[in-house]
Amino acid sequence: MADYLALNYCPQCGAALADQAAYGRVRRYCPACKRVVFRDPKAAAGVVVERDGQALLVRRSTKPRRGLWSIPAGFIEYDEAPAAAAVRECAEETGLRVKLTALLDVIPGEGLPGEASFLIVYLGRITGGQLQAQDDAEQAAFFDPDDLPPLAFSATHRALERWRARSR
């Protein structure tokens, strides 16, 4: 297991974890609590916002993939619905309020440090606000699907390909 994925201590009691066969594979186990400790996936949500045949993208100002472009997206909070997270992230990163119109895709992550395990992508339309890069975006702009800037994630590429196929 890569160091960045290491799960060494029980989140319940803090005891050192051990490996144990459970539910068909080797998993982390807390000898003190007598329970299997599951590593939960980290989910993100995003939105493809279309205007005049172009898609809204944000240029990332933080790692991972700083300086590359993505759809407005981010991690879902533990007490938040995926759709609400997509709307929130779009507002935080672009200043635009959106209404979600459809679920576009659920895309697995690449397994990189700091990346979501999967991305839930919606389609959305602008309902208000003013376009202005904010939060962890240094730039926000609309792009023609045939003239995209360098994309940050394979999930961004897949979401835009899916959007393009749906729009034709």
C-alpha atoms as a PDB file:
ATOM      1  CA  MET A   1       0.000   0.000   0.000  1.00  0.00           C
ATOM      2  CA  ALA A   2       1.413   3.418  -0.953  1.00  0.00           C
ATOM      3  CA  ASP A   3       2.443   5.628   1.994  1.00  0.00           C
ATOM      4  CA  TYR A   4      -0.172   8.270   1.198  1.00  0.00           C
ATOM      5  CA  LEU A   5      -2.863   5.596   1.503  1.00  0.00           C
ATOM      6  CA  ALA A   6      -1.566   4.146   4.758  1.00  0.00           C
ATOM      7  CA  LEU A   7      -4.201   3.574   7.391  1.00  0.00           C
ATOM      8  CA  ASN A   8      -2.189   2.802  10.528  1.00  0.00           C
ATOM      9  CA  TYR A   9      -4.364   3.792  13.486  1.00  0.00           C
ATOM     10  CA  CYS A  10      -7.961   3.166  14.438  1.00  0.00           C
ATOM     11  CA  PRO A  11     -10.107   6.274  13.897  1.00  0.00           C
ATOM     12  CA  GLN A  12     -12.257   5.176  16.861  1.00  0.00           C
ATOM     13  CA  CYS A  13      -9.706   4.462  19.607  1.00  0.00           C
ATOM     14  CA  GLY A  14      -6.270   5.310  18.141  1.00  0.00           C
ATOM     15  CA  ALA A  15      -4.835   1.787  18.523  1.00  0.00           C
ATOM     16  CA  ALA A  16      -2.384   0.475  15.936  1.00  0.00           C
ATOM     17  CA  LEU A  17      -4.139  -1.449  13.172  1.00  0.00           C
ATOM     18  CA  ALA A  18      -3.229  -4.892  11.874  1.00  0.00           C
ATOM     19  CA  ASP A  19      -4.102  -6.775   8.692  1.00  0.00           C
ATOM     20  CA  GLN A  20      -6.771  -9.461   8.807  1.00  0.00           C
ATOM     21  CA  ALA A  21      -8.748 -11.398   6.207  1.00  0.00           C
ATOM     22  CA  ALA A  22     -12.332 -10.145   6.201  1.00  0.00           C
ATOM     23  CA  TYR A  23     -15.132 -10.058   3.630  1.00  0.00           C
ATOM     24  CA  GLY A  24     -13.097 -11.685   0.891  1.00  0.00           C
ATOM     25  CA  ARG A  25      -9.842  -9.725   1.140  1.00  0.00           C
ATOM     26  CA  VAL A  26      -7.200  -8.509   3.582  1.00  0.00           C
ATOM     27  CA  ARG A  27      -8.396  -5.414   5.416  1.00  0.00           C
ATOM     28  CA  ARG A  28      -7.219  -3.225   8.283  1.00  0.00           C
ATOM     29  CA  TYR A  29      -8.400  -4.470  11.667  1.00  0.00           C
ATOM     30  CA  CYS A  30      -8.383  -2.897  15.140  1.00  0.00           C
ATOM     31  CA  PRO A  31      -7.439  -5.492  17.763  1.00  0.00           C
ATOM     32  CA  ALA A  32      -8.573  -3.161  20.565  1.00  0.00           C
ATOM     33  CA  CYS A  33     -12.060  -2.449  19.156  1.00  0.00           C
ATOM     34  CA  LYS A  34     -12.331  -5.878  17.555  1.00  0.00           C
ATOM     35  CA  ARG A  35     -13.605  -4.394  14.280  1.00  0.00           C
ATOM     36  CA  VAL A  36     -12.679  -4.075  10.641  1.00  0.00           C
ATOM     37  CA  VAL A  37     -11.783  -0.504   9.697  1.00  0.00           C
ATOM     38  CA  PHE A  38     -13.015   0.278   6.200  1.00  0.00           C
ATOM     39  CA  ARG A  39     -11.396   2.937   4.034  1.00  0.00           C
ATOM     40  CA  ASP A  40     -14.293   4.961   2.674  1.00  0.00           C
ATOM     41  CA  PRO A  41     -14.160   6.399  -0.833  1.00  0.00           C
ATOM     42  CA  LYS A  42     -13.937  10.171  -1.240  1.00  0.00           C
ATOM     43  CA  ALA A  43     -16.612  11.514  -3.565  1.00  0.00           C
ATOM     44  CA  ALA A  44     -16.629  14.740  -5.547  1.00  0.00           C
ATOM     45  CA  ALA A  45     -19.332  16.457  -7.568  1.00  0.00           C
ATOM     46  CA  GLY A  46     -19.117  18.829 -10.490  1.00  0.00           C
ATOM     47  CA  VAL A  47     -21.167  20.462 -13.180  1.00  0.00           C
ATOM     48  CA  VAL A  48     -20.798  20.998 -16.904  1.00  0.00           C
ATOM     49  CA  VAL A  49     -22.334  24.415 -17.495  1.00  0.00           C
ATOM     50  CA  GLU A  50     -23.107  25.133 -21.139  1.00  0.00           C
ATOM     51  CA  ARG A  51     -23.623  28.535 -22.729  1.00  0.00           C
ATOM     52  CA  ASP A  52     -23.956  29.017 -26.503  1.00  0.00           C
ATOM     53  CA  GLY A  53     -22.429  25.611 -27.217  1.00  0.00           C
ATOM     54  CA  GLN A  54     -19.424  26.216 -24.964  1.00  0.00           C
ATOM     55  CA  ALA A  55     -18.536  24.623 -21.612  1.00  0.00           C
ATOM     56  CA  LEU A  56     -17.472  26.497 -18.483  1.00  0.00           C
ATOM     57  CA  LEU A  57     -14.029  25.548 -17.182  1.00  0.00           C
ATOM     58  CA  VAL A  58     -11.875  26.783 -14.319  1.00  0.00           C
ATOM     59  CA  ARG A  59      -8.094  26.990 -14.190  1.00  0.00           C
ATOM     60  CA  ARG A  60      -6.856  25.414 -10.970  1.00  0.00           C
ATOM     61  CA  SER A  61      -4.806  27.569  -8.595  1.00  0.00           C
ATOM     62  CA  THR A  62      -3.949  24.700  -6.222  1.00  0.00           C
ATOM     63  CA  LYS A  63      -2.498  21.211  -6.307  1.00  0.00           C
ATOM     64  CA  PRO A  64      -3.111  18.718  -7.679  1.00  0.00           C
ATOM     65  CA  ARG A  65      -2.674  19.792 -11.303  1.00  0.00           C
ATOM     66  CA  ARG A  66      -2.262  23.505 -10.645  1.00  0.00           C
ATOM     67  CA  GLY A  67      -2.546  25.622 -13.803  1.00  0.00           C
ATOM     68  CA  LEU A  68      -4.624  23.061 -15.688  1.00  0.00           C
ATOM     69  CA  TRP A  69      -8.340  23.293 -16.413  1.00  0.00           C
ATOM     70  CA  SER A  70     -11.340  21.432 -15.020  1.00  0.00           C
ATOM     71  CA  ILE A  71     -15.093  21.673 -14.764  1.00  0.00           C
ATOM     72  CA  PRO A  72     -16.221  23.416 -11.554  1.00  0.00           C
ATOM     73  CA  ALA A  73     -16.081  20.581  -9.028  1.00  0.00           C
ATOM     74  CA  GLY A  74     -14.992  19.612  -5.537  1.00  0.00           C
ATOM     75  CA  PHE A  75     -15.352  17.228  -2.657  1.00  0.00           C
ATOM     76  CA  ILE A  76     -18.772  16.463  -1.219  1.00  0.00           C
ATOM     77  CA  GLU A  77     -19.058  17.336   2.476  1.00  0.00           C
ATOM     78  CA  TYR A  78     -20.099  14.480   4.793  1.00  0.00           C
ATOM     79  CA  ASP A  79     -23.541  16.039   5.365  1.00  0.00           C
ATOM     80  CA  GLU A  80     -24.178  17.279   1.825  1.00  0.00           C
ATOM     81  CA  ALA A  81     -26.080  15.822  -1.123  1.00  0.00           C
ATOM     82  CA  PRO A  82     -24.008  15.414  -4.302  1.00  0.00           C
ATOM     83  CA  ALA A  83     -26.239  17.792  -6.291  1.00  0.00           C
ATOM     84  CA  ALA A  84     -25.928  20.469  -3.590  1.00  0.00           C
ATOM     85  CA  ALA A  85     -22.137  20.056  -3.645  1.00  0.00           C
ATOM     86  CA  ALA A  86     -22.036  20.559  -7.425  1.00  0.00           C
ATOM     87  CA  VAL A  87     -24.095  23.758  -7.156  1.00  0.00           C
ATOM     88  CA  ARG A  88     -21.981  25.018  -4.237  1.00  0.00           C
ATOM     89  CA  GLU A  89     -18.670  24.303  -5.950  1.00  0.00           C
ATOM     90  CA  CYS A  90     -19.784  26.088  -9.115  1.00  0.00           C
ATOM     91  CA  ALA A  91     -20.769  29.185  -7.127  1.00  0.00           C
ATOM     92  CA  GLU A  92     -17.558  29.105  -5.068  1.00  0.00           C
ATOM     93  CA  GLU A  93     -15.264  28.761  -8.084  1.00  0.00           C
ATOM     94  CA  THR A  94     -17.067  30.852 -10.713  1.00  0.00           C
ATOM     95  CA  GLY A  95     -19.498  33.224  -8.991  1.00  0.00           C
ATOM     96  CA  LEU A  96     -22.345  31.712 -11.019  1.00  0.00           C
ATOM     97  CA  ARG A  97     -25.528  30.220  -9.652  1.00  0.00           C
ATOM     98  CA  VAL A  98     -26.727  27.201 -11.587  1.00  0.00           C
ATOM     99  CA  LYS A  99     -29.716  24.916 -11.768  1.00  0.00           C
ATOM    100  CA  LEU A 100     -28.892  21.277 -12.403  1.00  0.00           C
ATOM    101  CA  THR A 101     -30.782  19.819 -15.345  1.00  0.00           C
ATOM    102  CA  ALA A 102     -29.535  16.213 -15.541  1.00  0.00           C
ATOM    103  CA  LEU A 103     -27.049  13.686 -14.229  1.00  0.00           C
ATOM    104  CA  LEU A 104     -24.331  13.362 -16.881  1.00  0.00           C
ATOM    105  CA  ASP A 105     -22.052  10.621 -15.545  1.00  0.00           C
ATOM    106  CA  VAL A 106     -20.350   9.009 -12.547  1.00  0.00           C
ATOM    107  CA  ILE A 107     -16.636   8.764 -13.300  1.00  0.00           C
ATOM    108  CA  PRO A 108     -13.977   6.811 -11.376  1.00  0.00           C
ATOM    109  CA  GLY A 109     -10.901   8.700 -10.222  1.00  0.00           C
ATOM    110  CA  GLU A 110      -7.363   7.832 -11.226  1.00  0.00           C
ATOM    111  CA  GLY A 111      -6.285   6.912  -7.677  1.00  0.00           C
ATOM    112  CA  LEU A 112      -3.905   9.855  -7.345  1.00  0.00           C
ATOM    113  CA  PRO A 113      -3.135  11.501  -3.984  1.00  0.00           C
ATOM    114  CA  GLY A 114      -5.670  14.198  -3.183  1.00  0.00           C
ATOM    115  CA  GLU A 115      -8.055  13.054  -5.895  1.00  0.00           C
ATOM    116  CA  ALA A 116     -11.633  11.851  -5.459  1.00  0.00           C
ATOM    117  CA  SER A 117     -12.429   8.158  -5.722  1.00  0.00           C
ATOM    118  CA  PHE A 118     -15.250   9.094  -8.079  1.00  0.00           C
ATOM    119  CA  LEU A 119     -16.787  12.233  -9.569  1.00  0.00           C
ATOM    120  CA  ILE A 120     -20.534  12.712  -9.963  1.00  0.00           C
ATOM    121  CA  VAL A 121     -21.090  15.067 -12.909  1.00  0.00           C
ATOM    122  CA  TYR A 122     -24.272  17.009 -13.623  1.00  0.00           C
ATOM    123  CA  LEU A 123     -25.398  19.259 -16.444  1.00  0.00           C
ATOM    124  CA  GLY A 124     -26.431  22.741 -15.409  1.00  0.00           C
ATOM    125  CA  ARG A 125     -27.661  26.066 -16.681  1.00  0.00           C
ATOM    126  CA  ILE A 126     -26.887  29.526 -15.349  1.00  0.00           C
ATOM    127  CA  THR A 127     -29.603  31.144 -13.229  1.00  0.00           C
ATOM    128  CA  GLY A 128     -27.653  34.146 -11.904  1.00  0.00           C
ATOM    129  CA  GLY A 129     -24.418  35.549 -10.622  1.00  0.00           C
ATOM    130  CA  GLN A 130     -21.472  37.080 -12.418  1.00  0.00           C
ATOM    131  CA  LEU A 131     -18.602  35.089 -13.910  1.00  0.00           C
ATOM    132  CA  GLN A 132     -15.513  35.641 -11.780  1.00  0.00           C
ATOM    133  CA  ALA A 133     -12.842  33.130 -10.791  1.00  0.00           C
ATOM    134  CA  GLN A 134     -12.817  32.631  -7.024  1.00  0.00           C
ATOM    135  CA  ASP A 135     -11.779  30.187  -4.305  1.00  0.00           C
ATOM    136  CA  ASP A 136      -9.310  27.668  -5.767  1.00  0.00           C
ATOM    137  CA  ALA A 137      -9.814  28.820  -9.375  1.00  0.00           C
ATOM    138  CA  GLU A 138      -7.523  31.483 -10.847  1.00  0.00           C
ATOM    139  CA  GLN A 139      -9.471  31.845 -14.067  1.00  0.00           C
ATOM    140  CA  ALA A 140     -12.928  30.881 -15.349  1.00  0.00           C
ATOM    141  CA  ALA A 141     -13.997  30.918 -18.984  1.00  0.00           C
ATOM    142  CA  PHE A 142     -16.184  29.236 -21.575  1.00  0.00           C
ATOM    143  CA  PHE A 143     -14.537  27.025 -24.207  1.00  0.00           C
ATOM    144  CA  ASP A 144     -15.625  25.523 -27.485  1.00  0.00           C
ATOM    145  CA  PRO A 145     -15.547  21.707 -27.262  1.00  0.00           C
ATOM    146  CA  ASP A 146     -13.147  21.595 -30.230  1.00  0.00           C
ATOM    147  CA  ASP A 147     -10.727  24.117 -28.688  1.00  0.00           C
ATOM    148  CA  LEU A 148     -10.191  23.048 -25.065  1.00  0.00           C
ATOM    149  CA  PRO A 149      -7.235  24.137 -22.917  1.00  0.00           C
ATOM    150  CA  PRO A 150      -4.989  21.556 -21.178  1.00  0.00           C
ATOM    151  CA  LEU A 151      -7.261  19.542 -18.868  1.00  0.00           C
ATOM    152  CA  ALA A 152      -6.337  18.613 -15.294  1.00  0.00           C
ATOM    153  CA  PHE A 153      -7.968  15.212 -14.933  1.00  0.00           C
ATOM    154  CA  SER A 154      -9.044  12.290 -17.086  1.00  0.00           C
ATOM    155  CA  ALA A 155     -12.462  12.645 -15.399  1.00  0.00           C
ATOM    156  CA  THR A 156     -12.720  16.191 -16.814  1.00  0.00           C
ATOM    157  CA  HIS A 157     -11.898  14.887 -20.277  1.00  0.00           C
ATOM    158  CA  ARG A 158     -14.462  12.085 -19.963  1.00  0.00           C
ATOM    159  CA  ALA A 159     -17.174  14.457 -18.673  1.00  0.00           C
ATOM    160  CA  LEU A 160     -16.610  16.846 -21.572  1.00  0.00           C
ATOM    161  CA  GLU A 161     -16.608  14.002 -24.109  1.00  0.00           C
ATOM    162  CA  ARG A 162     -19.881  12.737 -22.664  1.00  0.00           C
ATOM    163  CA  TRP A 163     -21.345  16.274 -22.789  1.00  0.00           C
ATOM    164  CA  ARG A 164     -20.190  16.727 -26.392  1.00  0.00           C
ATOM    165  CA  ALA A 165     -21.745  13.383 -27.451  1.00  0.00           C
ATOM    166  CA  ARG A 166     -24.996  14.288 -25.711  1.00  0.00           C
ATOM    167  CA  SER A 167     -25.102  17.742 -27.328  1.00  0.00           C
ATOM    168  CA  ARG A 168     -24.796  16.422 -30.884  1.00  0.00           C
END
